[in-house]
Amino acid sequence: MPEDATDTGIGLALSGGGFRATLFHVGALRRLVELGILTKVDRFSSVSGGSIIAGRLAQVWPALAADPSVANYNRLVAEPLRAFCRMDIDVAAAGEGMLSPFTSAADVVERKYRKHLFDADLADLPDAPVFVFNATNMATGRAFRFTKAYMADYRLGIVRNPKVPLARAVAASSAFPPFFSPVVIDSPGVFEMLKGADLNGDTAYTRRLHLADGGVYDNMGLETLWRRCATVLVSDAGAPFAAASKFDTDWARQSMRALDVATDQARALRKRMLVADFQAGARAGTYWGIDTDITDYGGGLACSPAKVGPLAAMRTRLNAFDAEEQGRLINWGYALADAAVRRWTPQLASGTVKAAWPCPAQALG
């Protein structure tokens, strides 16, 4: 939004990708804690599985900022999220949503978030850093953003000081179509006019919102950081596109394949623009992705390709991940964040903790 376009500070984008992304980011943020970087972040922008960890981080931020130790991070963030990622959420939510005329799958997911991870409202979040939870407005086809100060869609305008539970904002950000979307918000408030808000005042769009997963529009959550942060860090656990010599040609699965192609192209374009900015010196920062070759960063923890290769193809569902799966994803996020930061943004680090596997039993070397 125009009023917070500062082009200063550090931004961290946490991509979507279900529980796989949540666990990958748990490891990446663990390394940022050790390097003394996490509490320097001015703006968090998250999507889907990234919003699950961002929501938990926002809820406990004052306590974590007061004691940004690894032990406190584990207690407040990592351990509750690991427990949550041992739960089967998606099938149960979809089933209840289909069977009940009074409850949607999105409602069930929101209740799970509220019970196990975050019971705050957006109004309860800290003023700084700024947490942005990205969803997609299915009516306008644009990003819909939730923060403490506002919620907004640039075609609709801005609602200041929204009265929305944090769990609902995260549910909207992770409402993957068609099973968990849309999250419906009735009477969201008065949208103030902003430049370019061509649908402002049209009650057909503003009296009821239909929101879906933020990854439909921007799976890296990058856009909200693009012109607002001088330094951009991106943790990307999104599914890489897989070439297939054979694929189903029925209408439904062919349509899904076409959607995958379009999504991959949009994501690749954003990534190329980000890297071009880095190379041109337009902004500082670094990127690490779940399918990144860690040797491209020129060092770091030794990782076996046989162990890390399958992680990029791991499911993106909200269902139970066992200890082995969790440990490998956490270790991989940790190793890549360590290598990327030390290679491209070492000036950000103030911590001196030597890199070591957070989950030794699932070491990737």
Protein backbone atom coordinates (compact mmCIF):
# COMPACT_ATOMS: atom_id res chain seq x y z
CA MET A 1 0.00 0.00 0.00
CA PRO A 2 1.30 3.51 -0.71
CA GLU A 3 1.52 4.60 2.91
CA ASP A 4 4.02 1.89 3.85
CA ALA A 5 6.20 1.94 0.72
CA THR A 6 9.44 2.83 2.49
CA ASP A 7 12.06 0.96 0.43
CA THR A 8 14.11 0.44 3.59
CA GLY A 9 14.76 -2.31 6.08
CA ILE A 10 14.80 -6.10 5.79
CA GLY A 11 11.95 -8.17 4.39
CA LEU A 12 11.54 -11.93 4.68
CA ALA A 13 9.21 -13.85 2.34
CA LEU A 14 7.95 -17.27 3.44
CA SER A 15 6.47 -19.27 0.57
CA GLY A 16 3.55 -21.65 0.42
CA GLY A 17 3.68 -25.41 0.17
CA GLY A 18 1.55 -26.90 2.95
CA PHE A 19 3.19 -28.54 5.95
CA ARG A 20 6.26 -29.19 3.82
CA ALA A 21 6.81 -25.44 3.60
CA THR A 22 6.06 -24.89 7.28
CA LEU A 23 8.71 -27.40 8.34
CA PHE A 24 11.26 -26.16 5.80
CA HIS A 25 10.80 -22.63 7.15
CA VAL A 26 11.11 -23.87 10.75
CA GLY A 27 14.66 -24.90 9.89
CA ALA A 28 15.46 -21.74 7.94
CA LEU A 29 14.26 -19.46 10.75
CA ARG A 30 16.22 -21.51 13.29
CA ARG A 31 19.41 -20.60 11.42
CA LEU A 32 18.36 -16.94 11.19
CA VAL A 33 17.94 -16.97 14.98
CA GLU A 34 21.46 -18.34 15.41
CA LEU A 35 22.89 -15.73 13.04
CA GLY A 36 21.14 -12.90 14.90
CA ILE A 37 19.08 -11.96 11.84
CA LEU A 38 15.49 -12.91 12.66
CA THR A 39 14.83 -10.09 15.10
CA LYS A 40 16.26 -7.58 12.60
CA VAL A 41 13.50 -8.33 10.07
CA ASP A 42 11.17 -5.36 9.56
CA ARG A 43 8.53 -7.04 7.41
CA PHE A 44 7.37 -10.64 7.08
CA SER A 45 5.33 -11.58 4.01
CA SER A 46 3.83 -15.06 3.92
CA VAL A 47 1.67 -17.39 1.89
CA SER A 48 -0.12 -20.64 2.79
CA GLY A 49 2.28 -22.96 4.65
CA GLY A 50 4.54 -19.97 5.21
CA SER A 51 1.65 -18.15 6.86
CA ILE A 52 1.26 -20.99 9.37
CA ILE A 53 4.73 -20.33 10.77
CA ALA A 54 4.39 -16.55 10.34
CA GLY A 55 1.14 -16.60 12.31
CA ARG A 56 2.78 -18.47 15.17
CA LEU A 57 5.75 -16.11 15.03
CA ALA A 58 3.46 -13.07 15.16
CA GLN A 59 1.57 -14.43 18.16
CA VAL A 60 4.71 -15.04 20.25
CA TRP A 61 6.86 -12.21 18.90
CA PRO A 62 7.15 -10.12 22.10
CA ALA A 63 8.37 -13.13 24.09
CA LEU A 64 10.75 -14.24 21.33
CA ALA A 65 12.15 -10.74 20.79
CA ALA A 66 12.81 -10.44 24.53
CA ASP A 67 14.85 -13.66 24.44
CA PRO A 68 15.89 -14.51 20.86
CA SER A 69 17.73 -17.68 21.87
CA VAL A 70 17.53 -21.02 20.09
CA ALA A 71 16.00 -22.60 23.18
CA ASN A 72 13.25 -19.98 23.30
CA TYR A 73 12.64 -20.25 19.55
CA ASN A 74 12.27 -24.00 19.89
CA ARG A 75 9.86 -23.66 22.80
CA LEU A 76 7.69 -20.92 21.32
CA VAL A 77 7.80 -21.69 17.60
CA ALA A 78 9.42 -24.93 16.47
CA GLU A 79 7.93 -27.37 18.98
CA PRO A 80 4.29 -26.21 18.66
CA LEU A 81 4.57 -26.27 14.87
CA ARG A 82 6.13 -29.72 14.82
CA ALA A 83 3.30 -30.98 17.00
CA PHE A 84 0.76 -29.38 14.67
CA CYS A 85 2.41 -30.93 11.62
CA ARG A 86 1.92 -34.36 13.17
CA MET A 87 -1.84 -33.88 12.87
CA ASP A 88 -4.12 -34.91 10.00
CA ILE A 89 -5.94 -31.70 9.13
CA ASP A 90 -6.94 -31.74 5.48
CA VAL A 91 -8.99 -34.93 5.06
CA ALA A 92 -10.89 -34.38 8.31
CA ALA A 93 -11.61 -30.76 7.41
CA ALA A 94 -12.74 -31.60 3.89
CA GLY A 95 -14.94 -34.40 5.18
CA GLU A 96 -16.64 -32.28 7.81
CA GLY A 97 -17.10 -29.47 5.34
CA MET A 98 -18.81 -31.78 2.86
CA LEU A 99 -21.10 -33.38 5.42
CA SER A 100 -22.19 -30.31 7.36
CA PRO A 101 -24.50 -27.66 5.86
CA PHE A 102 -23.35 -25.21 8.53
CA THR A 103 -19.56 -25.60 8.37
CA SER A 104 -17.07 -25.33 5.52
CA ALA A 105 -13.68 -27.02 5.32
CA ALA A 106 -12.12 -23.58 5.72
CA ASP A 107 -14.05 -23.10 8.98
CA VAL A 108 -12.64 -26.37 10.32
CA VAL A 109 -9.08 -25.41 9.40
CA GLU A 110 -9.53 -22.02 11.07
CA ARG A 111 -10.72 -23.72 14.28
CA LYS A 112 -7.66 -25.98 14.27
CA TYR A 113 -5.35 -22.99 13.88
CA ARG A 114 -7.12 -21.13 16.67
CA LYS A 115 -7.03 -24.10 19.06
CA HIS A 116 -3.43 -25.18 18.53
CA LEU A 117 -1.37 -22.25 17.25
CA PHE A 118 -2.82 -18.74 17.47
CA ASP A 119 -5.83 -17.36 19.30
CA ALA A 120 -5.02 -13.66 18.79
CA ASP A 121 -6.71 -11.11 16.55
CA LEU A 122 -4.85 -9.02 13.98
CA ALA A 123 -5.28 -6.08 16.36
CA ASP A 124 -3.18 -7.92 18.97
CA LEU A 125 -0.12 -8.23 16.73
CA PRO A 126 2.97 -6.09 17.31
CA ASP A 127 3.27 -2.80 15.46
CA ALA A 128 6.78 -3.80 14.45
CA PRO A 129 7.77 -5.88 12.68
CA VAL A 130 4.92 -5.87 10.17
CA PHE A 131 3.37 -9.25 9.41
CA VAL A 132 1.60 -9.50 6.04
CA PHE A 133 -0.59 -12.54 5.36
CA ASN A 134 -1.32 -12.89 1.65
CA ALA A 135 -4.50 -14.40 0.22
CA THR A 136 -6.11 -14.18 -3.23
CA ASN A 137 -9.40 -12.39 -3.87
CA MET A 138 -11.23 -14.73 -6.22
CA ALA A 139 -13.61 -11.97 -7.34
CA THR A 140 -10.99 -9.41 -8.35
CA GLY A 141 -8.21 -11.84 -9.22
CA ARG A 142 -5.72 -9.85 -7.14
CA ALA A 143 -3.77 -10.26 -3.90
CA PHE A 144 -5.63 -9.60 -0.68
CA ARG A 145 -3.42 -8.62 2.24
CA PHE A 146 -4.03 -8.84 5.96
CA THR A 147 -1.94 -6.84 8.44
CA LYS A 148 -2.56 -5.32 11.85
CA ALA A 149 -2.99 -1.86 10.35
CA TYR A 150 -5.14 -2.75 7.35
CA MET A 151 -6.51 -5.32 4.97
CA ALA A 152 -6.55 -4.41 1.31
CA ASP A 153 -7.00 -5.28 -2.33
CA TYR A 154 -5.72 -2.55 -4.63
CA ARG A 155 -8.86 -2.79 -6.78
CA LEU A 156 -11.14 -2.40 -3.76
CA GLY A 157 -9.20 -0.06 -1.49
CA ILE A 158 -8.20 -0.40 2.14
CA VAL A 159 -9.96 -1.25 5.41
CA ARG A 160 -8.04 0.18 8.34
CA ASN A 161 -7.68 -1.57 11.71
CA PRO A 162 -9.52 -4.73 10.61
CA LYS A 163 -11.39 -6.78 13.19
CA VAL A 164 -10.28 -10.20 12.00
CA PRO A 165 -8.96 -13.20 13.97
CA LEU A 166 -5.39 -14.13 13.11
CA ALA A 167 -6.55 -17.71 12.53
CA ARG A 168 -8.97 -16.49 9.83
CA ALA A 169 -6.27 -14.51 8.05
CA VAL A 170 -4.02 -17.58 8.02
CA ALA A 171 -6.92 -19.81 6.96
CA ALA A 172 -7.55 -17.49 4.01
CA SER A 173 -3.86 -17.46 3.11
CA SER A 174 -3.78 -21.28 3.12
CA ALA A 175 -7.23 -21.95 1.58
CA PHE A 176 -6.05 -24.10 -1.30
CA PRO A 177 -8.73 -24.58 -3.99
CA PRO A 178 -11.04 -26.34 -4.33
CA PHE A 179 -11.23 -28.19 -1.02
CA PHE A 180 -10.40 -25.42 1.48
CA SER A 181 -11.63 -22.35 -0.35
CA PRO A 182 -13.15 -19.94 -0.26
CA VAL A 183 -12.82 -18.31 3.12
CA VAL A 184 -15.83 -16.01 3.23
CA ILE A 185 -15.75 -12.71 5.12
CA ASP A 186 -19.09 -10.94 5.38
CA SER A 187 -19.30 -7.20 6.04
CA PRO A 188 -15.52 -6.70 6.13
CA GLY A 189 -15.81 -2.94 6.76
CA VAL A 190 -15.61 0.23 4.73
CA PHE A 191 -12.99 0.20 1.97
CA GLU A 192 -11.35 3.60 1.68
CA MET A 193 -10.46 4.79 -1.79
CA LEU A 194 -6.90 4.37 -3.01
CA LYS A 195 -5.39 5.33 -6.34
CA GLY A 196 -6.33 2.70 -8.92
CA ALA A 197 -9.14 1.15 -6.84
CA ASP A 198 -11.54 0.90 -9.77
CA LEU A 199 -14.01 -1.31 -7.85
CA ASN A 200 -14.15 0.84 -4.73
CA GLY A 201 -17.74 1.49 -3.70
CA ASP A 202 -19.15 -1.42 -5.69
CA THR A 203 -20.94 -3.44 -3.01
CA ALA A 204 -21.06 -6.49 -5.25
CA TYR A 205 -17.33 -6.81 -4.48
CA THR A 206 -16.99 -5.22 -1.05
CA ARG A 207 -19.86 -6.52 1.08
CA ARG A 208 -18.69 -10.16 0.96
CA LEU A 209 -15.17 -11.42 0.27
CA HIS A 210 -14.32 -14.81 -1.22
CA LEU A 211 -10.67 -15.54 -0.52
CA ALA A 212 -8.37 -18.39 -1.50
CA ASP A 213 -4.76 -19.43 -0.98
CA GLY A 214 -2.28 -16.62 -1.52
CA GLY A 215 -0.25 -18.94 -3.72
CA VAL A 216 -2.88 -18.67 -6.44
CA TYR A 217 -1.59 -15.13 -7.01
CA ASP A 218 1.99 -15.13 -5.63
CA ASN A 219 3.29 -18.33 -4.08
CA MET A 220 6.46 -16.70 -2.75
CA GLY A 221 4.73 -13.78 -1.06
CA LEU A 222 7.25 -11.58 -2.79
CA GLU A 223 5.14 -8.75 -4.17
CA THR A 224 4.48 -7.06 -0.83
CA LEU A 225 8.25 -6.77 -0.24
CA TRP A 226 9.22 -5.78 -3.77
CA ARG A 227 9.35 -1.99 -3.42
CA ARG A 228 9.24 -1.76 0.35
CA CYS A 229 12.48 -3.35 1.54
CA ALA A 230 16.08 -2.56 0.71
CA THR A 231 17.07 -6.12 1.64
CA VAL A 232 14.92 -9.10 0.67
CA LEU A 233 15.35 -12.65 1.94
CA VAL A 234 13.24 -15.39 0.33
CA SER A 235 12.65 -18.86 1.77
CA ASP A 236 10.90 -20.86 -0.95
CA ALA A 237 9.52 -24.35 -0.37
CA GLY A 238 7.13 -24.19 -3.31
CA ALA A 239 6.80 -27.25 -5.52
CA PRO A 240 9.16 -27.16 -8.51
CA PHE A 241 7.56 -27.91 -11.86
CA ALA A 242 8.16 -31.48 -13.01
CA ALA A 243 8.47 -32.33 -16.68
CA ALA A 244 6.41 -35.36 -17.66
CA SER A 245 6.69 -37.34 -20.88
CA LYS A 246 3.32 -38.91 -20.09
CA PHE A 247 0.38 -37.23 -18.41
CA ASP A 248 -3.37 -37.60 -18.15
CA THR A 249 -5.41 -35.91 -20.85
CA ASP A 250 -8.89 -36.06 -19.34
CA TRP A 251 -10.49 -32.64 -18.91
CA ALA A 252 -9.98 -32.32 -15.15
CA ARG A 253 -6.34 -33.42 -14.95
CA GLN A 254 -5.38 -31.68 -18.18
CA SER A 255 -6.80 -28.46 -16.71
CA MET A 256 -4.76 -28.97 -13.52
CA ARG A 257 -1.64 -29.54 -15.61
CA ALA A 258 -2.28 -26.30 -17.50
CA LEU A 259 -2.71 -24.47 -14.17
CA ASP A 260 0.60 -25.91 -12.96
CA VAL A 261 2.33 -24.63 -16.10
CA ALA A 262 0.87 -21.12 -15.67
CA THR A 263 1.74 -21.04 -11.96
CA ASP A 264 5.29 -22.18 -12.62
CA GLN A 265 5.79 -19.48 -15.25
CA ALA A 266 4.52 -16.73 -12.95
CA ARG A 267 6.73 -17.94 -10.12
CA ALA A 268 9.76 -18.21 -12.41
CA LEU A 269 9.18 -14.67 -13.67
CA ARG A 270 9.08 -13.26 -10.13
CA LYS A 271 12.24 -15.17 -9.26
CA ARG A 272 14.06 -13.87 -12.35
CA MET A 273 13.04 -10.31 -11.51
CA LEU A 274 14.29 -10.76 -7.95
CA VAL A 275 17.64 -12.16 -9.07
CA ALA A 276 17.97 -9.39 -11.66
CA ASP A 277 17.45 -6.82 -8.89
CA PHE A 278 20.15 -8.49 -6.82
CA GLN A 279 22.56 -8.58 -9.74
CA ALA A 280 21.89 -4.94 -10.66
CA GLY A 281 22.40 -3.81 -7.08
CA ALA A 282 18.84 -2.46 -6.89
CA ARG A 283 18.49 -4.21 -3.55
CA ALA A 284 20.45 -6.61 -1.38
CA GLY A 285 19.33 -10.04 -0.33
CA THR A 286 19.34 -13.73 -1.10
CA TYR A 287 17.08 -16.58 -2.13
CA TRP A 288 17.01 -20.22 -1.12
CA GLY A 289 14.60 -22.77 -2.58
CA ILE A 290 13.78 -26.36 -1.72
CA ASP A 291 15.19 -27.51 -5.07
CA THR A 292 18.33 -25.35 -4.86
CA ASP A 293 21.70 -27.01 -5.40
CA ILE A 294 23.48 -26.06 -2.18
CA THR A 295 26.87 -26.34 -3.85
CA ASP A 296 25.95 -23.25 -5.91
CA TYR A 297 26.51 -21.23 -2.73
CA GLY A 298 30.09 -22.42 -2.47
CA GLY A 299 30.04 -24.10 0.92
CA GLY A 300 28.00 -24.91 3.98
CA LEU A 301 26.87 -28.15 5.55
CA ALA A 302 27.65 -31.19 3.41
CA CYS A 303 24.42 -32.62 1.99
CA SER A 304 23.93 -35.87 0.12
CA PRO A 305 22.00 -35.39 -3.15
CA ALA A 306 20.36 -38.76 -2.53
CA LYS A 307 18.91 -37.45 0.75
CA VAL A 308 17.92 -33.92 -0.28
CA GLY A 309 16.72 -34.62 -3.83
CA PRO A 310 13.42 -36.28 -2.83
CA LEU A 311 12.46 -33.44 -0.46
CA ALA A 312 11.38 -31.11 -3.28
CA ALA A 313 8.86 -33.72 -4.42
CA MET A 314 7.41 -34.32 -0.96
CA ARG A 315 3.66 -33.77 -0.62
CA THR A 316 2.30 -30.32 0.17
CA ARG A 317 -0.73 -31.50 2.13
CA LEU A 318 -1.84 -30.58 5.64
CA ASN A 319 -1.51 -34.11 6.94
CA ALA A 320 0.78 -35.89 9.39
CA PHE A 321 4.52 -35.72 8.70
CA ASP A 322 6.49 -38.29 10.68
CA ALA A 323 9.71 -37.61 12.60
CA GLU A 324 11.93 -38.60 9.69
CA GLU A 325 10.13 -36.36 7.21
CA GLN A 326 10.04 -33.45 9.64
CA GLY A 327 13.70 -33.75 10.57
CA ARG A 328 14.89 -33.84 6.97
CA LEU A 329 12.80 -30.83 5.93
CA ILE A 330 13.91 -28.79 8.95
CA ASN A 331 17.55 -29.68 8.34
CA TRP A 332 17.27 -28.80 4.64
CA GLY A 333 15.73 -25.38 5.30
CA TYR A 334 18.41 -24.76 7.91
CA ALA A 335 21.30 -25.78 5.63
CA LEU A 336 20.09 -23.71 2.68
CA ALA A 337 19.42 -20.59 4.76
CA ASP A 338 22.90 -20.90 6.28
CA ALA A 339 24.61 -21.28 2.91
CA ALA A 340 22.59 -18.54 1.17
CA VAL A 341 23.04 -15.95 3.91
CA ARG A 342 26.76 -16.59 4.36
CA ARG A 343 27.32 -16.43 0.58
CA TRP A 344 25.26 -13.35 -0.28
CA THR A 345 24.35 -11.37 2.85
CA PRO A 346 27.03 -12.09 5.48
CA GLN A 347 26.81 -8.45 6.61
CA LEU A 348 23.44 -9.20 8.21
CA ALA A 349 24.79 -11.83 10.58
CA SER A 350 25.80 -10.89 14.10
CA GLY A 351 25.60 -14.35 15.67
CA THR A 352 28.57 -16.68 15.68
CA VAL A 353 26.90 -20.06 16.31
CA LYS A 354 28.54 -22.68 14.10
CA ALA A 355 26.09 -24.45 11.81
CA ALA A 356 25.03 -27.88 13.07
CA TRP A 357 22.02 -30.04 12.21
CA PRO A 358 18.95 -29.07 14.27
CA CYS A 359 17.75 -32.68 13.97
CA PRO A 360 20.92 -34.82 14.18
CA ALA A 361 19.07 -38.11 13.74
CA GLN A 362 18.00 -36.93 10.28
CA ALA A 363 21.34 -35.44 9.20
CA LEU A 364 21.55 -34.93 5.45
CA GLY A 365 25.28 -35.55 4.99
